[in-house]
Amino acid sequence: MLKKITLILSLLICSLVVLAEQLKINNDAPKTYVVERGDTLWDISALFLEQPWLWPKLWRLNPEINNPHLIYPGDIITLMYDESGNPILVRKPSYKWSPKIRQTNQKDGSIKLLPLEIIAPFIKYDHLFTNEQLEKLPYVIGDNEGYNSSIDGFKVYVNQNLELAKTYAIYDTAEEIIDPETGTSLGFYTNLVATAQVLRTGNMAKNKPATLQVTTVKREIRAGDYVVPVHEGQMFPSVFTMKAVDASFRGAIVKAASDNREFGKLEIVMINKGAKDQVSVGDIMAIKRLSPGIVETSDGPEYTVEVSRWHHMLSNEDGSDYKMPEESLGELMIFKVYAQASMGLILRTEKPARLLDVLTAPNG
């Protein structure tokens, strides 16, 4: 009997897994598509799939194609179905490749899955530090002109010995980010303001600061700005492999790099989940927002923001008489992960995203 129950449960679990991963084709999906320069597998999959993060299950390449991550401008993508009725994408090359030409074009003309070069213009090299990290960092104490702020061409002095000729990034004084769910500190957010090269190493044993020549500047450098080796925390993978987060995942947007109240496609945001929550680079998350609460009044249903305080006192804890749904309004991809927080790039929005918008699994 126990074996029978175990078998039934196993079959049920397998069925649920298959159902969860079932591909859903868009109603307006084209039958064929001609690849254009600048396309990514994500872009093309989104034309056909409601869940573009499941692109590996949709793509099928010709037998002679060894690398499933490479497509080329001019290739024809056709939506077909296999013998089991599952949708597949078949790629027909724009012309027949010889082995030598194929090798050359894979190097120069191939289209990879969301390569860094496509999103790099939108990535800001801002950083999140812990309080302990900030206490150990060197910082700017002044410049060679005696001004309160410095710009391109200035020399600035730093209160620590630095490596000669090495390039350093300069970050402004930090803004603490508080998790709205727990009230704990997620870290200190800093903006990259400039880069500079070491002219003199300094000798702090004799109270001689290091000297840096400012080479590029985004905004004014001020005393107290932090100095960090230029590549620390600024390295990204050449290609981002996307995958949906687990169904149990739940987080929130806590900051926008633009500091705007609303933000849209290709903007950078920070979320309140990081490595300790199993977040990783390439994770895809749905952006959702709770629909406005509604209460029943003597005049009929009204939104909670429009009723008196008396009605709020009589309503549920959230002020609404109904458990309102969370509606999806877009997706984002994680490109940098810290211990307690992560940075993401918004890939799509139907309406502007906002602070405290909820993040879940895309099909959650």
Protein backbone atom coordinates (compact mmCIF):
# COMPACT_ATOMS: atom_id res chain seq x y z
CA MET A 1 0.00 0.00 0.00
CA LEU A 2 2.83 2.37 0.93
CA LYS A 3 4.57 1.67 -2.39
CA LYS A 4 1.33 2.40 -4.23
CA ILE A 5 0.86 5.74 -2.45
CA THR A 6 4.50 6.66 -3.14
CA LEU A 7 4.04 5.86 -6.83
CA ILE A 8 0.87 7.94 -7.05
CA LEU A 9 2.56 10.89 -5.34
CA SER A 10 5.57 10.59 -7.65
CA LEU A 11 3.35 10.63 -10.73
CA LEU A 12 1.40 13.60 -9.36
CA ILE A 13 4.59 15.59 -8.68
CA CYS A 14 5.91 14.83 -12.16
CA SER A 15 2.62 16.00 -13.67
CA LEU A 16 2.77 19.27 -11.71
CA VAL A 17 6.36 19.88 -12.80
CA VAL A 18 5.44 19.32 -16.45
CA LEU A 19 2.43 21.62 -16.08
CA ALA A 20 4.52 24.35 -14.43
CA GLU A 21 7.02 24.31 -17.29
CA GLN A 22 4.45 24.15 -20.11
CA LEU A 23 5.19 26.71 -22.79
CA LYS A 24 2.50 29.27 -23.60
CA ILE A 25 2.60 30.81 -27.08
CA ASN A 26 1.48 34.43 -27.50
CA ASN A 27 -1.85 34.78 -29.30
CA ASP A 28 -0.29 37.20 -31.79
CA ALA A 29 2.95 35.21 -32.26
CA PRO A 30 4.20 35.34 -35.86
CA LYS A 31 4.65 32.16 -37.91
CA THR A 32 8.08 33.30 -39.08
CA TYR A 33 10.56 36.01 -38.10
CA VAL A 34 13.67 37.30 -39.86
CA VAL A 35 16.52 38.03 -37.42
CA GLU A 36 17.75 41.63 -37.42
CA ARG A 37 21.06 43.02 -36.18
CA GLY A 38 20.81 43.83 -32.48
CA ASP A 39 18.25 41.08 -31.71
CA THR A 40 18.82 38.79 -28.74
CA LEU A 41 17.36 35.36 -27.99
CA TRP A 42 15.34 37.07 -25.26
CA ASP A 43 13.84 39.58 -27.74
CA ILE A 44 12.95 36.88 -30.26
CA SER A 45 11.59 34.47 -27.63
CA ALA A 46 9.37 37.26 -26.25
CA LEU A 47 7.70 37.53 -29.68
CA PHE A 48 6.57 33.92 -29.40
CA LEU A 49 6.43 33.10 -25.67
CA GLU A 50 4.47 34.48 -22.76
CA GLN A 51 7.43 33.33 -20.62
CA PRO A 52 10.59 34.35 -22.57
CA TRP A 53 12.81 33.14 -19.71
CA LEU A 54 11.90 29.59 -20.83
CA TRP A 55 13.58 30.20 -24.20
CA PRO A 56 15.82 27.04 -24.01
CA LYS A 57 12.69 24.84 -24.14
CA LEU A 58 11.45 26.61 -27.29
CA TRP A 59 14.61 26.77 -29.38
CA ARG A 60 15.51 23.96 -31.75
CA LEU A 61 18.35 24.47 -34.21
CA ASN A 62 19.28 22.62 -37.38
CA PRO A 63 21.32 19.44 -36.73
CA GLU A 64 24.51 20.95 -38.12
CA ILE A 65 24.37 23.87 -35.67
CA ASN A 66 26.41 22.99 -32.57
CA ASN A 67 25.98 26.12 -30.43
CA PRO A 68 22.35 26.90 -29.47
CA HIS A 69 23.26 30.42 -28.31
CA LEU A 70 24.25 31.68 -31.76
CA ILE A 71 21.95 33.13 -34.41
CA TYR A 72 22.70 35.59 -37.19
CA PRO A 73 21.05 38.57 -38.92
CA GLY A 74 19.04 37.33 -41.88
CA ASP A 75 18.27 33.92 -40.37
CA ILE A 76 14.61 32.90 -40.62
CA ILE A 77 12.96 31.69 -37.40
CA THR A 78 9.88 29.48 -37.91
CA LEU A 79 7.35 28.45 -35.26
CA MET A 80 6.58 24.73 -35.57
CA TYR A 81 5.31 21.85 -33.41
CA ASP A 82 6.98 18.50 -32.73
CA GLU A 83 5.32 15.08 -32.85
CA SER A 84 4.04 15.56 -29.28
CA GLY A 85 2.43 18.89 -30.10
CA ASN A 86 5.05 20.95 -28.25
CA PRO A 87 6.00 24.31 -29.83
CA ILE A 88 9.54 24.67 -31.16
CA LEU A 89 11.49 27.32 -33.04
CA VAL A 90 13.45 26.11 -36.05
CA ARG A 91 16.18 28.28 -37.48
CA LYS A 92 16.79 28.36 -41.21
CA PRO A 93 20.10 30.10 -42.06
CA SER A 94 19.90 32.94 -44.58
CA TYR A 95 22.40 31.03 -46.72
CA LYS A 96 24.40 27.83 -46.44
CA TRP A 97 27.53 28.27 -44.33
CA SER A 98 30.80 26.55 -45.15
CA PRO A 99 32.76 25.47 -42.03
CA LYS A 100 35.28 28.27 -42.53
CA ILE A 101 32.69 31.00 -43.04
CA ARG A 102 30.66 29.67 -40.11
CA GLN A 103 33.67 30.00 -37.81
CA THR A 104 34.35 33.57 -38.92
CA ASN A 105 30.74 34.69 -38.52
CA GLN A 106 30.35 33.07 -35.10
CA LYS A 107 33.16 35.31 -33.95
CA ASP A 108 32.04 38.54 -35.60
CA GLY A 109 28.34 38.45 -36.37
CA SER A 110 26.67 36.08 -33.96
CA ILE A 111 23.87 37.21 -31.64
CA LYS A 112 24.31 35.97 -28.08
CA LEU A 113 21.79 35.74 -25.24
CA LEU A 114 21.68 39.30 -23.89
CA PRO A 115 25.41 40.11 -24.17
CA LEU A 116 26.91 42.70 -21.84
CA GLU A 117 27.55 45.10 -24.73
CA ILE A 118 23.80 45.53 -25.25
CA ILE A 119 22.97 46.51 -21.66
CA ALA A 120 26.31 48.10 -20.69
CA PRO A 121 25.18 51.63 -21.70
CA PHE A 122 22.36 51.38 -19.18
CA ILE A 123 24.34 49.91 -16.27
CA LYS A 124 25.47 52.40 -13.65
CA TYR A 125 28.66 51.53 -11.78
CA ASP A 126 27.28 52.61 -8.43
CA HIS A 127 27.99 50.37 -5.46
CA LEU A 128 26.62 49.14 -2.14
CA PHE A 129 28.99 48.94 0.84
CA THR A 130 28.53 47.70 4.37
CA ASN A 131 29.34 50.05 7.24
CA GLU A 132 32.39 47.91 8.06
CA GLN A 133 33.69 48.25 4.49
CA LEU A 134 33.27 52.03 4.49
CA GLU A 135 35.18 52.40 7.75
CA LYS A 136 38.23 50.75 6.12
CA LEU A 137 38.16 52.70 2.83
CA PRO A 138 40.53 55.62 2.14
CA TYR A 139 38.88 58.93 1.28
CA VAL A 140 39.58 62.28 -0.34
CA ILE A 141 40.81 64.96 2.09
CA GLY A 142 41.18 67.87 -0.38
CA ASP A 143 42.68 69.08 -3.68
CA ASN A 144 45.62 71.10 -4.97
CA GLU A 145 43.60 74.33 -5.35
CA GLY A 146 42.02 74.50 -1.91
CA TYR A 147 38.47 74.25 -3.26
CA ASN A 148 35.60 72.47 -1.51
CA SER A 149 34.92 70.48 -4.66
CA SER A 150 37.12 69.23 -7.51
CA ILE A 151 36.56 68.45 -11.19
CA ASP A 152 38.46 67.04 -14.19
CA GLY A 153 42.16 68.00 -14.25
CA PHE A 154 42.51 68.52 -10.50
CA LYS A 155 44.85 66.67 -8.20
CA VAL A 156 43.21 65.24 -5.09
CA TYR A 157 44.81 63.93 -1.91
CA VAL A 158 43.86 60.71 -0.13
CA ASN A 159 44.51 59.69 3.49
CA GLN A 160 46.11 56.31 2.72
CA ASN A 161 49.08 54.83 0.86
CA LEU A 162 48.04 53.83 -2.67
CA GLU A 163 49.66 51.86 -5.50
CA LEU A 164 51.65 54.00 -7.96
CA ALA A 165 50.04 54.47 -11.43
CA LYS A 166 47.01 52.42 -10.45
CA THR A 167 43.55 53.77 -11.35
CA TYR A 168 40.98 54.24 -8.60
CA ALA A 169 37.25 54.93 -8.59
CA ILE A 170 35.91 57.74 -6.41
CA TYR A 171 32.47 57.34 -4.82
CA ASP A 172 30.43 60.02 -3.05
CA THR A 173 29.42 59.85 0.59
CA ALA A 174 26.92 57.06 1.11
CA GLU A 175 23.15 56.92 1.53
CA GLU A 176 21.94 54.20 3.89
CA ILE A 177 19.27 51.92 2.40
CA ILE A 178 16.69 50.55 4.84
CA ASP A 179 14.69 47.42 4.12
CA PRO A 180 11.01 48.51 4.30
CA GLU A 181 9.97 44.98 5.28
CA THR A 182 12.34 44.44 8.21
CA GLY A 183 13.57 47.93 9.08
CA THR A 184 17.19 46.70 8.93
CA SER A 185 20.05 48.30 7.01
CA LEU A 186 20.81 46.77 3.60
CA GLY A 187 24.00 48.77 3.23
CA PHE A 188 25.18 52.17 2.04
CA TYR A 189 24.53 53.19 -1.57
CA THR A 190 27.26 55.24 -3.26
CA ASN A 191 27.43 56.94 -6.67
CA LEU A 192 30.51 56.73 -8.87
CA VAL A 193 31.66 60.34 -9.31
CA ALA A 194 35.11 60.06 -10.93
CA THR A 195 38.19 58.00 -11.70
CA ALA A 196 41.77 59.05 -10.97
CA GLN A 197 45.32 57.73 -11.33
CA VAL A 198 47.93 57.65 -8.57
CA LEU A 199 50.82 60.10 -9.11
CA ARG A 200 52.39 59.73 -5.66
CA THR A 201 51.88 56.75 -3.39
CA GLY A 202 51.94 58.71 -0.16
CA ASN A 203 53.61 57.85 3.13
CA MET A 204 51.10 57.91 5.94
CA ALA A 205 53.79 56.90 8.45
CA LYS A 206 55.01 60.47 7.92
CA ASN A 207 51.50 61.88 7.41
CA LYS A 208 52.04 62.35 3.65
CA PRO A 209 48.80 61.67 1.70
CA ALA A 210 48.70 59.93 -1.67
CA THR A 211 48.20 62.15 -4.76
CA LEU A 212 45.72 61.26 -7.53
CA GLN A 213 45.26 62.96 -10.91
CA VAL A 214 41.55 63.09 -11.79
CA THR A 215 41.10 61.60 -15.29
CA THR A 216 37.33 61.38 -15.76
CA VAL A 217 34.58 62.97 -13.74
CA LYS A 218 30.78 62.58 -13.65
CA ARG A 219 30.10 65.06 -10.86
CA GLU A 220 32.01 67.15 -8.36
CA ILE A 221 34.47 65.41 -6.02
CA ARG A 222 34.22 66.47 -2.39
CA ALA A 223 36.21 65.86 0.77
CA GLY A 224 35.11 62.59 2.34
CA ASP A 225 34.43 60.82 -0.99
CA TYR A 226 35.59 57.21 -0.89
CA VAL A 227 38.45 55.79 -3.00
CA VAL A 228 38.29 52.19 -4.30
CA PRO A 229 40.38 50.22 -6.86
CA VAL A 230 38.66 50.85 -10.19
CA HIS A 231 37.62 47.27 -11.00
CA GLU A 232 36.39 46.33 -7.52
CA GLY A 233 32.67 45.55 -7.72
CA GLN A 234 32.51 46.61 -11.39
CA MET A 235 33.09 43.31 -13.24
CA PHE A 236 30.19 41.75 -15.14
CA PRO A 237 29.81 38.55 -17.21
CA SER A 238 30.16 38.94 -20.99
CA VAL A 239 26.78 37.22 -21.47
CA PHE A 240 23.86 37.09 -19.04
CA THR A 241 22.12 33.70 -18.87
CA MET A 242 18.57 34.43 -17.78
CA LYS A 243 16.42 32.24 -15.56
CA ALA A 244 13.25 32.77 -13.55
CA VAL A 245 13.55 32.94 -9.76
CA ASP A 246 11.88 30.26 -7.63
CA ALA A 247 8.12 30.41 -7.16
CA SER A 248 8.62 31.11 -3.43
CA PHE A 249 10.65 34.28 -4.07
CA ARG A 250 9.25 37.60 -2.87
CA GLY A 251 11.00 40.96 -2.62
CA ALA A 252 10.54 44.67 -3.29
CA ILE A 253 12.14 47.59 -5.13
CA VAL A 254 13.77 49.86 -2.54
CA LYS A 255 15.69 52.39 -4.64
CA ALA A 256 16.05 53.67 -8.20
CA ALA A 257 19.47 54.79 -9.41
CA SER A 258 17.79 57.84 -10.96
CA ASP A 259 16.17 58.70 -7.60
CA ASN A 260 12.94 59.35 -9.52
CA ARG A 261 9.58 58.43 -8.00
CA GLU A 262 8.67 56.44 -11.12
CA PHE A 263 10.92 54.62 -13.57
CA GLY A 264 10.59 52.46 -16.68
CA LYS A 265 12.37 50.22 -19.17
CA LEU A 266 16.19 50.05 -19.03
CA GLU A 267 16.41 51.88 -15.69
CA ILE A 268 18.46 50.56 -12.77
CA VAL A 269 16.82 49.68 -9.46
CA MET A 270 17.90 48.11 -6.18
CA ILE A 271 15.91 45.32 -4.49
CA ASN A 272 15.90 44.16 -0.87
CA LYS A 273 17.09 40.60 -1.56
CA GLY A 274 20.61 39.33 -2.18
CA ALA A 275 22.94 36.34 -1.99
CA LYS A 276 21.59 35.28 1.41
CA ASP A 277 18.19 34.90 -0.30
CA GLN A 278 19.71 32.79 -3.14
CA VAL A 279 19.48 35.65 -5.66
CA SER A 280 22.00 35.30 -8.49
CA VAL A 281 23.10 37.21 -11.61
CA GLY A 282 20.68 36.64 -14.50
CA ASP A 283 17.61 36.07 -12.32
CA ILE A 284 14.37 37.26 -13.92
CA MET A 285 11.65 38.70 -11.66
CA ALA A 286 8.15 39.97 -12.29
CA ILE A 287 7.33 43.49 -11.08
CA LYS A 288 3.88 43.56 -9.48
CA ARG A 289 1.70 46.07 -7.68
CA LEU A 290 -1.19 45.55 -5.30
CA SER A 291 -4.45 46.87 -6.74
CA PRO A 292 -6.11 49.71 -4.76
CA GLY A 293 -8.08 48.61 -1.70
CA ILE A 294 -11.88 48.84 -1.68
CA VAL A 295 -14.31 49.24 1.22
CA GLU A 296 -18.07 48.93 1.30
CA THR A 297 -19.87 52.09 2.43
CA SER A 298 -23.50 53.13 2.66
CA ASP A 299 -23.01 54.76 -0.74
CA GLY A 300 -21.53 51.63 -2.27
CA PRO A 301 -17.94 50.46 -2.91
CA GLU A 302 -15.23 53.11 -2.62
CA TYR A 303 -11.44 53.10 -2.76
CA THR A 304 -9.77 53.15 0.64
CA VAL A 305 -7.90 56.38 -0.15
CA GLU A 306 -11.24 58.16 -0.61
CA VAL A 307 -13.06 57.12 2.57
CA SER A 308 -12.97 58.53 6.08
CA ARG A 309 -10.73 57.38 8.92
CA TRP A 310 -13.81 55.82 10.54
CA HIS A 311 -14.16 53.34 7.67
CA HIS A 312 -10.47 52.46 7.96
CA MET A 313 -10.98 51.60 11.63
CA LEU A 314 -13.82 49.21 10.76
CA SER A 315 -12.01 47.56 7.84
CA ASN A 316 -9.31 44.88 7.76
CA GLU A 317 -5.71 45.53 8.77
CA ASP A 318 -4.80 46.83 5.29
CA GLY A 319 -7.89 49.05 5.20
CA SER A 320 -9.65 47.08 2.47
CA ASP A 321 -12.75 44.90 2.73
CA TYR A 322 -11.37 42.72 -0.07
CA LYS A 323 -8.11 40.89 -0.62
CA MET A 324 -7.08 42.69 -3.80
CA PRO A 325 -4.80 40.98 -6.35
CA GLU A 326 -1.25 41.92 -7.32
CA GLU A 327 -1.08 42.69 -11.03
CA SER A 328 2.08 42.22 -13.10
CA LEU A 329 3.44 45.33 -14.81
CA GLY A 330 6.87 44.24 -16.08
CA GLU A 331 10.07 42.28 -15.54
CA LEU A 332 13.62 43.00 -14.43
CA MET A 333 16.92 41.13 -14.59
CA ILE A 334 19.50 41.03 -11.79
CA PHE A 335 23.03 42.00 -12.90
CA LYS A 336 24.81 42.58 -9.58
CA VAL A 337 24.32 40.76 -6.26
CA TYR A 338 25.37 41.79 -2.75
CA ALA A 339 24.81 39.95 0.53
CA GLN A 340 21.47 41.58 1.40
CA ALA A 341 20.50 43.45 -1.78
CA SER A 342 20.84 43.31 -5.57
CA MET A 343 20.87 45.64 -8.58
CA GLY A 344 18.53 44.99 -11.49
CA LEU A 345 17.83 46.32 -14.98
CA ILE A 346 14.16 46.76 -15.90
CA LEU A 347 13.56 44.84 -19.14
CA ARG A 348 9.91 45.74 -19.72
CA THR A 349 7.14 47.79 -18.15
CA GLU A 350 3.49 48.26 -19.11
CA LYS A 351 3.35 51.28 -16.79
CA PRO A 352 6.00 53.08 -14.69
CA ALA A 353 7.38 51.06 -11.80
CA ARG A 354 7.59 52.60 -8.31
CA LEU A 355 9.40 52.14 -5.03
CA LEU A 356 7.98 49.26 -2.95
CA ASP A 357 6.56 47.50 -6.01
CA VAL A 358 6.59 43.75 -5.33
CA LEU A 359 8.95 41.26 -7.04
CA THR A 360 8.00 37.61 -7.57
CA ALA A 361 8.66 34.71 -9.91
CA PRO A 362 7.53 35.75 -13.43
CA ASN A 363 4.80 33.11 -13.57
CA GLY A 364 4.02 33.37 -9.87
